[in-house]
Protein backbone atom coordinates (compact mmCIF):
# COMPACT_ATOMS: atom_id res chain seq x y z
CA UNK A 1 197.99 167.67 -15.74
CA UNK A 2 194.63 166.02 -16.34
CA UNK A 3 194.27 163.02 -18.64
CA UNK A 4 191.55 160.87 -20.15
CA UNK A 5 191.92 157.52 -21.92
CA UNK A 6 189.63 156.46 -24.77
CA UNK A 7 188.36 153.45 -22.81
CA UNK A 8 187.43 152.66 -19.24
CA UNK A 9 190.00 150.78 -17.16
CA UNK A 10 189.18 147.43 -15.55
CA UNK A 11 192.58 146.66 -14.05
CA UNK A 12 194.85 148.72 -11.79
CA UNK A 13 196.69 151.02 -14.22
CA UNK A 14 199.32 153.53 -13.10
CA UNK A 15 200.17 156.71 -15.04
CA UNK A 16 203.80 157.75 -14.64
CA UNK A 17 205.67 160.86 -15.77
CA UNK A 18 209.45 161.07 -15.75
CA UNK A 19 211.27 164.36 -16.23
CA UNK A 20 213.90 164.67 -18.98
CA UNK A 21 216.42 166.33 -16.68
CA UNK A 22 219.93 165.11 -15.78
CA UNK A 23 218.52 163.84 -12.50
CA UNK A 24 215.03 162.66 -13.49
CA UNK A 25 212.08 162.91 -11.13
CA UNK A 26 209.25 160.39 -11.35
CA UNK A 27 205.63 161.04 -10.42
CA UNK A 28 202.89 158.38 -10.38
CA UNK A 29 199.12 158.28 -9.99
CA UNK A 30 196.37 155.68 -10.41
CA UNK A 31 194.06 155.83 -13.45
CA UNK A 32 190.48 155.51 -12.21
CA UNK A 33 187.92 153.08 -13.66
CA UNK A 34 186.53 155.78 -15.97
CA UNK A 35 189.99 156.24 -17.51
CA UNK A 36 190.78 159.63 -15.96
CA UNK A 37 193.80 160.69 -13.93
CA UNK A 38 195.36 163.89 -12.68
CA UNK A 39 198.74 164.96 -11.38
CA UNK A 40 199.00 168.17 -9.43
CA UNK A 41 202.00 170.37 -8.71
CA UNK A 42 204.34 168.98 -11.35
CA UNK A 43 207.49 171.09 -11.75
CA UNK A 44 207.83 172.92 -15.06
CA UNK A 45 209.66 170.95 -17.74
CA UNK A 46 209.48 168.20 -20.33
CA UNK A 47 208.30 164.71 -19.40
CA UNK A 48 207.91 161.18 -20.72
CA UNK A 49 204.42 159.79 -20.05
CA UNK A 50 203.81 156.07 -19.66
CA UNK A 51 201.16 153.74 -18.29
CA UNK A 52 201.47 150.23 -16.89
CA UNK A 53 199.14 147.59 -15.49
CA UNK A 54 200.20 147.17 -11.87
CA UNK A 55 199.53 143.43 -11.56
CA UNK A 56 201.48 142.96 -8.34
CA UNK A 57 200.20 146.13 -6.63
CA UNK A 58 203.62 147.59 -5.76
CA UNK A 59 203.04 150.87 -7.67
CA UNK A 60 206.22 150.27 -9.76
CA UNK A 61 206.75 148.67 -13.15
CA UNK A 62 207.83 145.02 -12.87
CA UNK A 63 210.12 143.69 -15.61
CA UNK A 64 209.27 140.03 -15.00
CA UNK A 65 211.46 137.06 -14.11
CA UNK A 66 212.60 133.81 -15.74
CA UNK A 67 212.89 131.68 -12.62
CA UNK A 68 210.29 131.43 -11.26
CA UNK A 69 208.55 132.57 -14.41
CA UNK A 70 206.65 135.83 -14.07
CA UNK A 71 205.82 137.87 -17.20
CA UNK A 72 206.51 141.59 -17.32
CA UNK A 73 203.63 143.97 -16.74
CA UNK A 74 201.80 145.45 -19.72
CA UNK A 75 202.87 149.04 -20.54
CA UNK A 76 202.13 151.87 -22.95
CA UNK A 77 204.44 154.78 -23.83
CA UNK A 78 202.78 158.05 -24.83
CA UNK A 79 204.29 158.92 -28.24
CA UNK A 80 204.95 162.62 -27.59
CA UNK A 81 206.82 164.76 -25.07
CA UNK A 82 204.57 166.26 -22.40
CA UNK A 83 205.47 169.90 -21.74
CA UNK A 84 204.43 171.26 -18.34
CA UNK A 85 204.35 175.02 -17.87
CA UNK A 86 204.19 176.75 -14.49
CA UNK A 87 200.67 177.71 -13.35
CA UNK A 88 199.02 176.17 -16.45
CA UNK A 89 196.63 173.23 -16.57
CA UNK A 90 197.41 170.70 -19.27
CA UNK A 91 194.63 168.43 -20.53
CA UNK A 92 195.46 165.28 -22.46
CA UNK A 93 192.25 163.81 -23.85
CA UNK A 94 191.56 160.68 -25.87
CA UNK A 95 194.76 158.80 -25.01
CA UNK A 96 194.41 155.53 -26.92
CA UNK A 97 196.29 152.83 -25.02
CA UNK A 98 196.02 150.06 -27.60
CA UNK A 99 196.68 146.69 -26.00
């Protein structure tokens, strides 16, 4: 899967896909400063696609905390199911991650 956002990325943003299986698998990659990302060798199936600003650098979404106060990380959920087929390249262009 190859993706492109509508804008360049200034902060560390992670693209994450999660399979819709009984036992979900999660795959992550970093979105580069030009707004492009790719994920190779994804198993065939249906996936949720999301993005989050990795403020703390741990490569996982942080939900925040009340004490001590730490806000949750910004996120964006792609509004459609991503369908991966075996031996096919999937291109998702013009992903508009409105903030």
